[in-house]
Amino acid sequence: MSKVVPETSGERSDAPQRRILVVDDDDGLRAGLAIGLKRDGYTVQLAGDGHEAVEKLAAMDFDLILLDLHLPGTINGLSLLNTIRAERSPLNLPVIIISGSSDSANIVTALRDGANDYVVKPFDASTVRARVRTQITLKTLKDVNDHFLRTASHDLKKPIMLMLDVANQVRLSAQSGEPMSADDQSALDLLIYTGKYMQQIIGELLDMGAIRAGHIHLRKQSTDFGAIVRQAAAHNSGYAHGKGIELGLTFSPGLPHILADELRLLQVLDNLIGNAIKFSPQKTRITISTSIEDERIVCEVADEGPGLPAQDQARLFQPYQSLSNKPTGNEQSTGLGLAICKELIGLHQGEIGVRNNAARGATFWIRIPVKPRPEHDAILAEPGMTAQQAT
């Protein structure tokens, strides 16, 4: 029977009222942890096995879980951890594993599967409570940040929409009346461009916040992938024309329908095509192609720009990255678009990546299975490469 080593300090914490679930089959250990955590100001719920924990998780929200790795019955600690991570991210719901095993393989497995921390029994209760405080503090900072982003984004949406509406009305009025001066037209164009860029920032910040919190859920339905590609190309045709760039489409015949979220796929393709235009010189061509490969639909966006240095490729899909290449028309970028694309394609059980072309430019590609697979990993290898070639 496991036991908690008595505390070496009676110091109280000023922790906020947060709800913690302790999952362990040892009655004495559960009771001992509950006493200390309640003294620290937490609300504590107890579960003796995986089934009871599942019931409590379904009935209420928790801010942290202390989880025994070896639970009786059919739901062990790792199984419960995987179930939790399918719905909640490590930032959104921290999980600290408490286990009698100090085997490094078990520790690595638990951390790989999404545990935030790992404590070996018997442990000093004050140490566990300190680790709980650390995870709760991180979660609190994350919650404050999310609340700020939601509030600021919500408060900015209406004035930006109003600003754009007024600017568009001024533009329409000018077209039907007296011509605007070049300076007034330039100022109006700048106002509209700035408003649209602010809308993009808000949208991408909200998307990234939702992704990190595990709050993005796809609305999948039978989808004509070719139609989405055509729609994304149409969305960007005016942008390309304004920079003197030609958009070309090459479609493989007989593309099957796939189970996908149409709006999220359109968001990804809009981003990839828009980025290709953003970094391409004038009088060049961007080719958008589709094909079928190994029961996966492949879409590639190939440009004739400068290509990507190796150091940029390694961090291309990470948020807030500043890359070597600069937009050819002085366009703005939040540094979030490609990171969001990677997450959305991953939710479709797909893959996303980039390669430099043999002559010039780069090709961004996505691959989405025609039939969803049980498990997936998003990798950055070129379509058609073997694992050995990719490395």
Protein backbone atom coordinates (compact mmCIF):
# COMPACT_ATOMS: atom_id res chain seq x y z
CA MET A 1 0.00 0.00 0.00
CA SER A 2 1.41 3.37 -1.05
CA LYS A 3 1.69 6.16 1.46
CA VAL A 4 2.31 9.88 1.41
CA VAL A 5 5.43 11.01 3.22
CA PRO A 6 4.39 13.65 5.80
CA GLU A 7 4.81 17.27 4.80
CA THR A 8 7.94 19.09 5.85
CA SER A 9 6.26 22.50 5.72
CA GLY A 10 2.94 23.78 6.96
CA GLU A 11 3.02 26.83 4.71
CA ARG A 12 -0.37 27.73 3.26
CA SER A 13 -0.87 28.74 -0.33
CA ASP A 14 -2.95 31.62 -1.64
CA ALA A 15 -4.14 29.44 -4.54
CA PRO A 16 -7.45 30.43 -6.14
CA GLN A 17 -10.61 28.36 -5.91
CA ARG A 18 -9.84 25.74 -8.55
CA ARG A 19 -11.31 22.25 -8.90
CA ILE A 20 -8.93 19.27 -8.78
CA LEU A 21 -9.71 15.60 -9.44
CA VAL A 22 -7.56 13.01 -7.62
CA VAL A 23 -7.72 9.58 -9.27
CA ASP A 24 -6.06 6.77 -7.27
CA ASP A 25 -7.15 3.39 -5.91
CA ASP A 26 -5.36 3.98 -2.58
CA ASP A 27 -7.93 5.35 -0.11
CA GLY A 28 -5.32 6.71 2.28
CA LEU A 29 -3.34 8.48 -0.44
CA ARG A 30 -6.49 10.08 -1.88
CA ALA A 31 -7.57 11.30 1.56
CA GLY A 32 -4.10 12.64 2.39
CA LEU A 33 -3.85 14.58 -0.87
CA ALA A 34 -7.39 15.91 -0.46
CA ILE A 35 -6.65 17.31 3.00
CA GLY A 36 -3.57 19.22 1.83
CA LEU A 37 -5.16 20.48 -1.38
CA LYS A 38 -8.28 21.70 0.45
CA ARG A 39 -6.06 23.57 2.91
CA ASP A 40 -4.53 25.30 -0.12
CA GLY A 41 -7.98 26.51 -1.13
CA TYR A 42 -8.82 24.01 -3.88
CA THR A 43 -12.09 22.18 -4.34
CA VAL A 44 -11.25 18.46 -4.51
CA GLN A 45 -13.12 15.52 -6.04
CA LEU A 46 -11.94 11.91 -5.60
CA ALA A 47 -12.15 8.85 -7.83
CA GLY A 48 -10.96 5.33 -7.01
CA ASP A 49 -10.77 3.97 -10.57
CA GLY A 50 -10.96 4.97 -14.22
CA HIS A 51 -14.71 4.44 -14.58
CA GLU A 52 -15.49 6.70 -11.64
CA ALA A 53 -13.09 9.31 -13.02
CA VAL A 54 -14.82 9.23 -16.42
CA GLU A 55 -18.19 9.80 -14.73
CA LYS A 56 -16.87 12.79 -12.77
CA LEU A 57 -15.19 14.27 -15.86
CA ALA A 58 -18.50 14.02 -17.72
CA ALA A 59 -20.39 15.65 -14.87
CA MET A 60 -18.17 18.68 -14.17
CA ASP A 61 -15.14 20.65 -15.33
CA PHE A 62 -11.77 20.41 -13.60
CA ASP A 63 -8.69 22.62 -13.60
CA LEU A 64 -6.17 19.85 -12.89
CA ILE A 65 -6.06 16.06 -12.50
CA LEU A 66 -3.75 14.01 -10.29
CA LEU A 67 -3.82 10.60 -11.97
CA ASP A 68 -2.47 7.24 -10.82
CA LEU A 69 -0.81 5.36 -13.68
CA HIS A 70 -1.90 1.89 -12.48
CA LEU A 71 -5.63 1.82 -11.87
CA PRO A 72 -7.79 -1.28 -11.35
CA GLY A 73 -10.35 -2.34 -13.94
CA THR A 74 -10.43 -1.85 -17.70
CA ILE A 75 -9.49 1.86 -17.74
CA ASN A 76 -5.89 2.33 -16.62
CA GLY A 77 -4.10 5.63 -16.16
CA LEU A 78 -2.62 5.87 -19.67
CA SER A 79 -5.95 4.98 -21.26
CA LEU A 80 -7.70 7.69 -19.24
CA LEU A 81 -4.92 10.17 -20.11
CA ASN A 82 -5.39 9.49 -23.83
CA THR A 83 -9.15 9.97 -23.47
CA ILE A 84 -8.60 13.32 -21.74
CA ARG A 85 -6.09 14.49 -24.37
CA ALA A 86 -8.52 13.67 -27.18
CA GLU A 87 -10.72 16.47 -25.80
CA ARG A 88 -8.51 18.80 -23.74
CA SER A 89 -4.99 20.09 -24.35
CA PRO A 90 -2.19 20.06 -21.71
CA LEU A 91 -2.60 23.84 -21.36
CA ASN A 92 -6.34 23.59 -20.95
CA LEU A 93 -6.40 20.70 -18.45
CA PRO A 94 -3.07 19.85 -16.76
CA VAL A 95 -2.54 16.21 -15.71
CA ILE A 96 0.09 15.18 -13.16
CA ILE A 97 0.81 11.44 -13.10
CA ILE A 98 1.35 9.87 -9.67
CA SER A 99 2.83 6.39 -9.87
CA GLY A 100 4.75 3.83 -7.89
CA SER A 101 6.89 3.10 -10.97
CA SER A 102 10.12 5.02 -11.52
CA ASP A 103 10.81 3.15 -14.77
CA SER A 104 12.01 5.74 -17.29
CA ALA A 105 10.01 4.02 -20.05
CA ASN A 106 6.75 4.64 -18.15
CA ILE A 107 7.71 8.25 -17.50
CA VAL A 108 8.57 8.86 -21.16
CA THR A 109 5.33 7.22 -22.31
CA ALA A 110 3.19 9.29 -19.95
CA LEU A 111 4.88 12.58 -20.90
CA ARG A 112 4.71 11.69 -24.60
CA ASP A 113 0.98 11.00 -24.29
CA GLY A 114 0.33 14.43 -22.81
CA ALA A 115 1.05 14.38 -19.08
CA ASN A 116 2.30 17.71 -17.73
CA ASP A 117 4.35 16.22 -14.89
CA TYR A 118 5.22 12.89 -13.26
CA VAL A 119 5.64 12.14 -9.53
CA VAL A 120 6.93 8.83 -8.12
CA LYS A 121 5.43 7.31 -4.93
CA PRO A 122 6.13 7.60 -2.06
CA PHE A 123 6.33 11.35 -2.37
CA ASP A 124 6.49 14.37 -0.12
CA ALA A 125 3.02 15.94 -0.09
CA SER A 126 4.38 19.50 -0.04
CA THR A 127 6.33 18.75 -3.24
CA VAL A 128 3.18 17.51 -4.98
CA ARG A 129 1.25 20.57 -3.82
CA ALA A 130 4.03 22.83 -5.14
CA ARG A 131 3.83 21.11 -8.52
CA VAL A 132 0.06 21.51 -8.48
CA ARG A 133 0.47 25.23 -7.78
CA THR A 134 2.91 25.54 -10.69
CA GLN A 135 0.51 23.90 -13.16
CA ILE A 136 -2.48 25.86 -11.84
CA THR A 137 -0.51 29.11 -12.15
CA LEU A 138 0.36 28.31 -15.78
CA LYS A 139 -3.27 27.47 -16.49
CA THR A 140 -4.42 30.69 -14.84
CA LEU A 141 -2.04 32.75 -16.99
CA LYS A 142 -3.32 30.91 -20.06
CA ASP A 143 -6.95 31.54 -19.05
CA VAL A 144 -6.25 35.26 -18.49
CA ASN A 145 -4.55 35.48 -21.89
CA ASP A 146 -7.45 33.68 -23.60
CA HIS A 147 -9.98 35.94 -21.90
CA PHE A 148 -8.06 39.03 -22.98
CA LEU A 149 -7.87 37.83 -26.59
CA ARG A 150 -11.57 36.94 -26.68
CA THR A 151 -12.60 40.25 -25.13
CA ALA A 152 -10.27 42.40 -27.22
CA SER A 153 -11.18 40.58 -30.43
CA HIS A 154 -14.89 40.84 -29.72
CA ASP A 155 -14.63 44.53 -28.87
CA LEU A 156 -12.62 45.26 -32.03
CA LYS A 157 -14.87 43.41 -34.46
CA LYS A 158 -17.73 45.91 -34.53
CA PRO A 159 -15.69 49.14 -34.94
CA ILE A 160 -13.58 47.53 -37.66
CA MET A 161 -16.69 46.40 -39.55
CA LEU A 162 -18.15 49.91 -39.17
CA MET A 163 -14.91 51.49 -40.39
CA LEU A 164 -14.81 49.25 -43.46
CA ASP A 165 -18.48 49.88 -44.18
CA VAL A 166 -17.99 53.64 -44.08
CA ALA A 167 -14.87 53.41 -46.26
CA ASN A 168 -16.65 51.28 -48.85
CA GLN A 169 -19.61 53.69 -48.89
CA VAL A 170 -17.22 56.60 -49.49
CA ARG A 171 -15.63 54.68 -52.35
CA LEU A 172 -19.03 53.95 -53.93
CA SER A 173 -20.13 57.57 -53.53
CA ALA A 174 -16.95 58.80 -55.19
CA GLN A 175 -17.47 56.48 -58.13
CA SER A 176 -20.94 57.92 -58.82
CA GLY A 177 -20.09 61.60 -58.19
CA GLU A 178 -17.08 63.83 -58.39
CA PRO A 179 -13.79 62.00 -58.90
CA MET A 180 -11.56 61.69 -55.86
CA SER A 181 -8.12 63.20 -55.83
CA ALA A 182 -5.19 60.79 -56.02
CA ASP A 183 -4.28 61.56 -52.41
CA ASP A 184 -7.84 60.91 -51.18
CA GLN A 185 -8.03 57.67 -53.14
CA SER A 186 -4.70 56.53 -51.72
CA ALA A 187 -5.82 57.35 -48.17
CA LEU A 188 -9.10 55.48 -48.67
CA ASP A 189 -7.31 52.43 -50.07
CA LEU A 190 -4.94 52.45 -47.09
CA LEU A 191 -7.89 52.66 -44.67
CA ILE A 192 -9.61 49.66 -46.27
CA TYR A 193 -6.37 47.66 -46.44
CA THR A 194 -5.62 48.37 -42.77
CA GLY A 195 -9.12 47.37 -41.70
CA LYS A 196 -8.93 44.08 -43.58
CA TYR A 197 -5.53 43.35 -42.08
CA MET A 198 -6.92 44.01 -38.59
CA GLN A 199 -9.75 41.58 -39.34
CA GLN A 200 -7.15 38.99 -40.35
CA ILE A 201 -5.20 39.48 -37.11
CA ILE A 202 -8.35 39.03 -35.02
CA GLY A 203 -9.42 35.92 -36.92
CA GLU A 204 -6.01 34.27 -36.68
CA LEU A 205 -5.56 35.08 -32.99
CA LEU A 206 -8.96 33.58 -32.22
CA ASP A 207 -8.21 30.50 -34.32
CA MET A 208 -4.85 29.92 -32.64
CA GLY A 209 -6.39 30.39 -29.20
CA ALA A 210 -9.14 27.90 -30.01
CA ILE A 211 -6.62 25.39 -31.38
CA ARG A 212 -4.43 25.59 -28.27
CA ALA A 213 -7.46 25.17 -26.03
CA GLY A 214 -8.68 22.20 -28.08
CA HIS A 215 -11.91 24.04 -28.91
CA ILE A 216 -11.83 23.69 -32.70
CA HIS A 217 -14.18 20.94 -33.85
CA LEU A 218 -14.52 20.14 -37.54
CA ARG A 219 -17.93 19.94 -39.21
CA LYS A 220 -17.16 17.15 -41.64
CA GLN A 221 -19.34 16.26 -44.58
CA SER A 222 -18.94 14.72 -48.04
CA THR A 223 -16.89 17.36 -49.85
CA ASP A 224 -15.94 18.03 -53.48
CA PHE A 225 -12.28 18.87 -53.00
CA GLY A 226 -11.86 20.15 -56.55
CA ALA A 227 -14.66 22.66 -56.02
CA ILE A 228 -12.93 24.00 -52.91
CA VAL A 229 -9.65 24.43 -54.82
CA ARG A 230 -11.46 26.35 -57.59
CA GLN A 231 -13.17 28.55 -55.00
CA ALA A 232 -9.85 29.35 -53.28
CA ALA A 233 -8.28 30.22 -56.64
CA ALA A 234 -11.22 32.49 -57.44
CA HIS A 235 -10.88 34.23 -54.06
CA ASN A 236 -7.26 35.09 -54.87
CA SER A 237 -7.58 35.87 -58.59
CA GLY A 238 -7.97 39.64 -58.04
CA TYR A 239 -4.97 39.69 -55.69
CA ALA A 240 -2.84 37.82 -58.25
CA HIS A 241 -4.01 40.04 -61.13
CA GLY A 242 -3.08 43.15 -59.17
CA LYS A 243 0.51 41.90 -58.92
CA GLY A 244 0.66 40.71 -62.53
CA ILE A 245 0.81 37.06 -61.46
CA GLU A 246 -0.88 34.27 -63.44
CA LEU A 247 -2.81 31.56 -61.59
CA GLY A 248 -2.90 28.20 -63.35
CA LEU A 249 -5.03 25.16 -62.39
CA THR A 250 -4.12 21.56 -63.20
CA PHE A 251 -6.70 19.00 -62.06
CA SER A 252 -6.46 15.23 -61.95
CA PRO A 253 -9.69 13.74 -63.37
CA GLY A 254 -12.09 11.80 -61.18
CA LEU A 255 -11.17 13.20 -57.77
CA PRO A 256 -13.32 11.41 -55.15
CA HIS A 257 -15.30 13.24 -52.53
CA ILE A 258 -13.72 13.26 -49.06
CA LEU A 259 -15.07 13.66 -45.54
CA ALA A 260 -13.94 17.16 -44.58
CA ASP A 261 -14.85 20.55 -43.16
CA GLU A 262 -15.27 22.65 -46.30
CA LEU A 263 -14.74 26.05 -44.65
CA ARG A 264 -11.57 24.94 -42.85
CA LEU A 265 -10.08 23.43 -46.02
CA LEU A 266 -10.95 26.62 -47.90
CA GLN A 267 -9.17 28.57 -45.14
CA VAL A 268 -6.02 26.46 -45.63
CA LEU A 269 -6.03 26.76 -49.42
CA ASP A 270 -6.72 30.50 -49.26
CA ASN A 271 -3.67 30.85 -47.02
CA LEU A 272 -1.35 28.75 -49.21
CA ILE A 273 -2.39 30.48 -52.45
CA GLY A 274 -2.32 33.92 -50.81
CA ASN A 275 1.16 33.28 -49.42
CA ALA A 276 2.42 32.18 -52.84
CA ILE A 277 1.13 35.45 -54.33
CA LYS A 278 2.51 37.48 -51.44
CA PHE A 279 6.08 36.28 -51.95
CA SER A 280 6.11 35.96 -55.75
CA PRO A 281 7.65 38.58 -58.08
CA GLN A 282 5.51 40.23 -60.72
CA LYS A 283 5.03 38.53 -64.11
CA THR A 284 5.45 35.05 -62.69
CA ARG A 285 3.11 32.04 -62.56
CA ILE A 286 1.60 30.07 -59.68
CA THR A 287 0.35 26.59 -60.50
CA ILE A 288 -2.28 24.90 -58.33
CA SER A 289 -2.57 21.17 -59.01
CA THR A 290 -4.46 18.21 -57.59
CA SER A 291 -3.84 14.48 -57.83
CA ILE A 292 -4.51 11.14 -56.14
CA GLU A 293 -1.66 9.27 -54.46
CA ASP A 294 -1.96 6.17 -52.27
CA GLU A 295 -5.62 6.82 -51.38
CA ARG A 296 -4.83 10.43 -50.53
CA ILE A 297 -5.83 13.61 -52.33
CA VAL A 298 -2.79 15.81 -52.91
CA CYS A 299 -2.96 19.54 -53.63
CA GLU A 300 0.19 21.48 -54.52
CA VAL A 301 0.73 25.24 -54.85
CA ALA A 302 3.94 25.89 -56.82
CA ASP A 303 5.36 29.40 -57.22
CA GLU A 304 8.32 30.94 -59.06
CA GLY A 305 9.61 32.98 -56.15
CA PRO A 306 12.97 32.82 -54.35
CA GLY A 307 12.43 29.46 -52.63
CA LEU A 308 13.04 28.82 -48.95
CA PRO A 309 16.38 28.57 -47.08
CA ALA A 310 16.82 25.39 -45.04
CA GLN A 311 16.65 27.28 -41.73
CA ASP A 312 13.27 28.73 -42.71
CA GLN A 313 11.85 25.36 -43.72
CA ALA A 314 12.64 23.95 -40.28
CA ARG A 315 10.42 26.52 -38.49
CA LEU A 316 7.96 27.41 -41.22
CA PHE A 317 4.87 25.94 -39.55
CA GLN A 318 5.59 27.32 -36.08
CA PRO A 319 3.64 30.39 -34.87
CA TYR A 320 5.05 33.92 -34.87
CA GLN A 321 8.01 33.17 -37.12
CA SER A 322 9.85 35.90 -39.02
CA LEU A 323 11.34 34.39 -42.19
CA SER A 324 14.16 35.48 -44.49
CA ASN A 325 12.00 36.23 -47.55
CA LYS A 326 9.94 39.41 -47.58
CA PRO A 327 6.62 40.01 -49.36
CA THR A 328 7.14 41.48 -52.82
CA GLY A 329 4.34 44.04 -52.41
CA ASN A 330 5.08 45.16 -48.82
CA GLU A 331 2.17 43.08 -47.52
CA GLN A 332 1.73 42.44 -43.79
CA SER A 333 1.79 39.07 -42.03
CA THR A 334 0.82 37.90 -38.53
CA GLY A 335 3.13 34.87 -38.63
CA LEU A 336 0.23 32.60 -37.64
CA GLY A 337 -1.26 31.50 -40.95
CA LEU A 338 0.90 28.46 -41.70
CA ALA A 339 0.82 27.28 -38.07
CA ILE A 340 -2.97 27.34 -38.22
CA CYS A 341 -2.89 25.50 -41.57
CA LYS A 342 -0.80 22.72 -40.04
CA GLU A 343 -3.22 22.29 -37.14
CA LEU A 344 -6.29 22.26 -39.40
CA ILE A 345 -4.77 19.72 -41.80
CA GLY A 346 -3.75 17.59 -38.81
CA LEU A 347 -7.37 17.61 -37.64
CA HIS A 348 -8.25 16.19 -41.07
CA GLN A 349 -5.73 13.37 -40.46
CA GLY A 350 -3.62 14.91 -43.22
CA GLU A 351 -0.12 16.15 -43.80
CA ILE A 352 1.33 19.48 -44.92
CA GLY A 353 4.80 20.39 -46.10
CA VAL A 354 7.00 22.32 -48.50
CA ARG A 355 9.88 21.65 -50.88
CA ASN A 356 12.03 23.88 -53.08
CA ASN A 357 11.55 23.39 -56.81
CA ALA A 358 14.36 22.19 -59.06
CA ALA A 359 14.44 25.41 -61.08
CA ARG A 360 13.09 28.21 -58.89
CA GLY A 361 10.43 28.81 -56.32
CA ALA A 362 8.82 26.53 -53.74
CA THR A 363 5.88 24.13 -53.64
CA PHE A 364 3.57 23.91 -50.64
CA TRP A 365 1.49 20.74 -50.51
CA ILE A 366 -1.21 19.08 -48.48
CA ARG A 367 -2.29 15.44 -48.44
CA ILE A 368 -5.64 14.30 -47.05
CA PRO A 369 -6.75 10.66 -46.85
CA VAL A 370 -9.82 9.76 -48.89
CA LYS A 371 -10.82 7.47 -46.01
CA PRO A 372 -9.95 8.71 -42.50
CA ARG A 373 -7.43 6.60 -40.59
CA PRO A 374 -7.65 5.70 -36.87
CA GLU A 375 -4.37 7.42 -36.05
CA HIS A 376 -2.20 9.94 -37.84
CA ASP A 377 0.95 12.02 -37.61
CA ALA A 378 1.54 15.27 -39.51
CA ILE A 379 4.98 15.01 -41.16
CA LEU A 380 6.94 17.30 -43.39
CA ALA A 381 8.09 15.05 -46.19
CA GLU A 382 7.65 15.46 -49.93
CA PRO A 383 4.76 13.52 -51.54
CA GLY A 384 6.13 10.33 -53.01
CA MET A 385 9.24 10.23 -50.80
CA THR A 386 10.15 7.18 -48.75
CA ALA A 387 10.89 7.69 -45.06
CA GLN A 388 14.61 7.26 -45.77
CA GLN A 389 14.54 9.91 -48.52
CA ALA A 390 12.66 12.33 -46.28
CA THR A 391 15.42 12.23 -43.70
